[in-house]
């Protein structure tokens, strides 16, 4: 009986289906970009890696062929990776100079997205020019202001019943 129970437990284990993670297309794209960029960057000593055999297969990533083609086009248009040209290099990618700079700066696509999200959440500091107004006697007058005629300087002007002297400004 003990032996029979052990066999049935093994049979149940074999029959159990491992849960698959269901991702939307956008999340899948982000993870694939991150995987491809990190794998290429960490294998910089090689001239290029085959996307399916040397990037997806070791990471146990399974992507439908039509999705692989779409992802290939999107990655190529990013400017971070380029296809390896030459006989026997079909399906191989390598990082461009921009891709190396990107990876050296951020360390991966997911880190880049986190950095962008954090920079948008932080309040923006705006520095405005400060205008300092001096006391009235030290302010400069615009050049277009009319100055009193030289004959009027020193004359007494009556305003509100008080005597004032006009001064040349």
Protein backbone atom coordinates (compact mmCIF):
# COMPACT_ATOMS: atom_id res chain seq x y z
CA UNK A 1 0.00 0.00 0.00
CA UNK A 2 2.81 2.40 0.90
CA UNK A 3 4.46 1.79 -2.46
CA UNK A 4 1.15 2.36 -4.25
CA UNK A 5 0.56 5.69 -2.45
CA UNK A 6 4.06 6.87 -3.45
CA UNK A 7 3.35 6.10 -7.11
CA UNK A 8 0.05 7.94 -7.03
CA UNK A 9 1.69 10.99 -5.47
CA UNK A 10 4.31 11.00 -8.21
CA UNK A 11 1.56 10.68 -10.81
CA UNK A 12 -0.24 13.65 -9.27
CA UNK A 13 2.94 15.69 -9.31
CA UNK A 14 3.43 14.90 -12.99
CA UNK A 15 -0.15 15.82 -13.80
CA UNK A 16 -0.05 19.15 -12.03
CA UNK A 17 0.38 21.97 -14.41
CA UNK A 18 2.71 24.69 -13.32
CA UNK A 19 0.93 28.02 -13.25
CA UNK A 20 1.85 30.23 -16.16
CA UNK A 21 2.26 33.92 -15.70
CA UNK A 22 -0.07 35.86 -17.95
CA UNK A 23 1.39 39.20 -19.00
CA UNK A 24 -0.11 41.86 -21.16
CA UNK A 25 1.80 42.75 -24.30
CA UNK A 26 3.35 45.90 -22.85
CA UNK A 27 4.69 44.15 -19.75
CA UNK A 28 6.01 41.28 -21.87
CA UNK A 29 7.80 43.74 -24.15
CA UNK A 30 9.43 45.47 -21.18
CA UNK A 31 10.70 42.19 -19.76
CA UNK A 32 11.98 40.93 -23.11
CA UNK A 33 13.79 44.23 -23.82
CA UNK A 34 15.37 44.09 -20.39
CA UNK A 35 16.45 40.46 -20.88
CA UNK A 36 17.90 41.09 -24.34
CA UNK A 37 19.79 44.24 -23.35
CA UNK A 38 21.23 42.72 -20.17
CA UNK A 39 22.24 39.50 -21.92
CA UNK A 40 23.96 41.37 -24.75
CA UNK A 41 25.70 43.73 -22.32
CA UNK A 42 26.92 40.91 -20.10
CA UNK A 43 28.18 39.01 -23.17
CA UNK A 44 30.05 41.97 -24.62
CA UNK A 45 33.05 39.77 -25.37
CA UNK A 46 31.03 38.00 -28.10
CA UNK A 47 30.28 39.57 -31.46
CA UNK A 48 26.55 38.86 -31.32
CA UNK A 49 24.01 36.50 -29.81
CA UNK A 50 21.25 34.56 -31.50
CA UNK A 51 17.99 35.91 -30.09
CA UNK A 52 16.22 32.56 -29.75
CA UNK A 53 19.07 30.10 -29.10
CA UNK A 54 21.39 32.22 -26.95
CA UNK A 55 19.03 34.71 -25.28
CA UNK A 56 15.52 33.23 -24.99
CA UNK A 57 16.34 29.49 -24.61
CA UNK A 58 18.81 29.78 -21.67
CA UNK A 59 16.32 32.02 -19.86
CA UNK A 60 13.45 29.60 -20.64
CA UNK A 61 11.47 32.29 -22.42
CA UNK A 62 8.99 31.03 -24.97
CA UNK A 63 7.57 33.56 -27.38
CA UNK A 64 5.32 32.94 -30.37
CA UNK A 65 7.11 33.36 -33.72
CA UNK A 66 4.96 36.33 -34.80
CA UNK A 67 5.72 38.06 -31.47
CA UNK A 68 9.44 37.36 -31.91
CA UNK A 69 9.35 39.10 -35.30
CA UNK A 70 7.48 42.09 -33.87
CA UNK A 71 9.87 42.37 -30.92
CA UNK A 72 12.85 42.10 -33.30
CA UNK A 73 11.58 45.07 -35.31
CA UNK A 74 10.87 47.17 -32.22
CA UNK A 75 14.30 46.45 -30.72
CA UNK A 76 16.08 47.25 -34.00
CA UNK A 77 14.20 50.55 -34.29
CA UNK A 78 15.18 51.51 -30.72
CA UNK A 79 18.74 52.16 -31.83
CA UNK A 80 20.11 50.18 -28.87
CA UNK A 81 20.61 46.92 -30.78
CA UNK A 82 21.40 46.06 -34.36
CA UNK A 83 21.36 42.83 -36.34
CA UNK A 84 24.68 41.13 -37.01
CA UNK A 85 25.33 41.18 -40.74
CA UNK A 86 27.09 38.37 -42.53
CA UNK A 87 26.90 34.72 -43.53
CA UNK A 88 25.69 32.49 -40.69
CA UNK A 89 24.57 35.41 -38.52
CA UNK A 90 20.84 35.33 -39.21
CA UNK A 91 18.87 36.02 -36.01
CA UNK A 92 21.85 37.49 -34.13
CA UNK A 93 21.83 40.82 -32.34
CA UNK A 94 24.53 43.05 -30.89
CA UNK A 95 24.50 46.27 -28.87
CA UNK A 96 25.15 49.53 -30.66
CA UNK A 97 27.28 52.33 -29.16
CA UNK A 98 24.06 53.95 -27.96
CA UNK A 99 23.07 50.62 -26.41
CA UNK A 100 26.37 50.37 -24.50
CA UNK A 101 25.97 53.95 -23.26
CA UNK A 102 22.37 53.23 -22.24
CA UNK A 103 23.38 50.09 -20.33
CA UNK A 104 26.35 51.81 -18.68
CA UNK A 105 24.06 54.62 -17.54
CA UNK A 106 21.01 52.66 -16.38
CA UNK A 107 22.04 49.00 -16.14
CA UNK A 108 18.90 47.76 -17.85
CA UNK A 109 15.58 48.69 -19.38
CA UNK A 110 13.62 48.11 -16.16
CA UNK A 111 16.02 50.40 -14.28
CA UNK A 112 15.56 53.02 -16.98
CA UNK A 113 11.77 52.86 -16.64
CA UNK A 114 12.07 53.16 -12.85
CA UNK A 115 14.33 56.19 -13.26
CA UNK A 116 11.89 57.87 -15.62
CA UNK A 117 8.95 57.17 -13.29
CA UNK A 118 10.86 58.56 -10.28
CA UNK A 119 11.86 61.74 -12.11
CA UNK A 120 8.22 62.42 -13.02
CA UNK A 121 7.05 61.98 -9.42
CA UNK A 122 9.57 64.37 -7.90
CA UNK A 123 8.46 68.00 -7.74
CA UNK A 124 10.15 70.16 -10.29
CA UNK A 125 12.23 73.01 -8.89
CA UNK A 126 11.83 76.11 -10.99
CA UNK A 127 14.31 78.91 -10.42
CA UNK A 128 12.94 82.29 -11.35
CA UNK A 129 15.05 85.40 -11.76
CA UNK A 130 14.88 87.65 -8.73
CA UNK A 131 14.17 91.31 -9.35
CA UNK A 132 15.62 93.57 -6.71
CA UNK A 133 14.22 97.07 -6.57
CA UNK A 134 16.46 99.64 -5.06
CA UNK A 135 15.21 102.59 -3.07
CA UNK A 136 13.53 105.31 -5.10
CA UNK A 137 16.49 107.65 -5.13
CA UNK A 138 18.78 104.96 -6.58
CA UNK A 139 16.53 103.74 -9.38
CA UNK A 140 17.52 104.39 -12.94
CA UNK A 141 15.05 106.21 -15.13
CA UNK A 142 14.27 104.92 -18.60
CA UNK A 143 15.89 106.85 -21.42
CA UNK A 144 12.52 107.76 -22.92
CA UNK A 145 11.37 109.84 -19.91
CA UNK A 146 11.08 113.52 -20.61
CA UNK A 147 13.34 115.62 -18.46
CA UNK A 148 12.43 119.18 -17.48
CA UNK A 149 13.86 121.90 -19.66
CA UNK A 150 17.03 123.46 -18.29
CA UNK A 151 15.22 126.80 -17.72
CA UNK A 152 12.72 125.13 -15.40
CA UNK A 153 15.33 123.61 -13.14
CA UNK A 154 15.48 125.55 -9.88
CA UNK A 155 12.09 127.27 -10.34
CA UNK A 156 9.56 127.02 -7.56
CA UNK A 157 6.54 124.84 -8.33
CA UNK A 158 3.29 125.12 -6.43
CA UNK A 159 1.48 121.90 -5.74
CA UNK A 160 -1.30 121.52 -3.19
CA UNK A 161 -0.43 124.82 -1.72
CA UNK A 162 3.08 123.82 -0.78
CA UNK A 163 6.23 125.13 -2.27
CA UNK A 164 8.65 122.59 -3.72
CA UNK A 165 11.79 122.91 -5.68
CA UNK A 166 12.15 120.82 -8.75
CA UNK A 167 15.34 118.99 -8.85
CA UNK A 168 17.04 117.74 -11.91
CA UNK A 169 16.97 113.99 -11.86
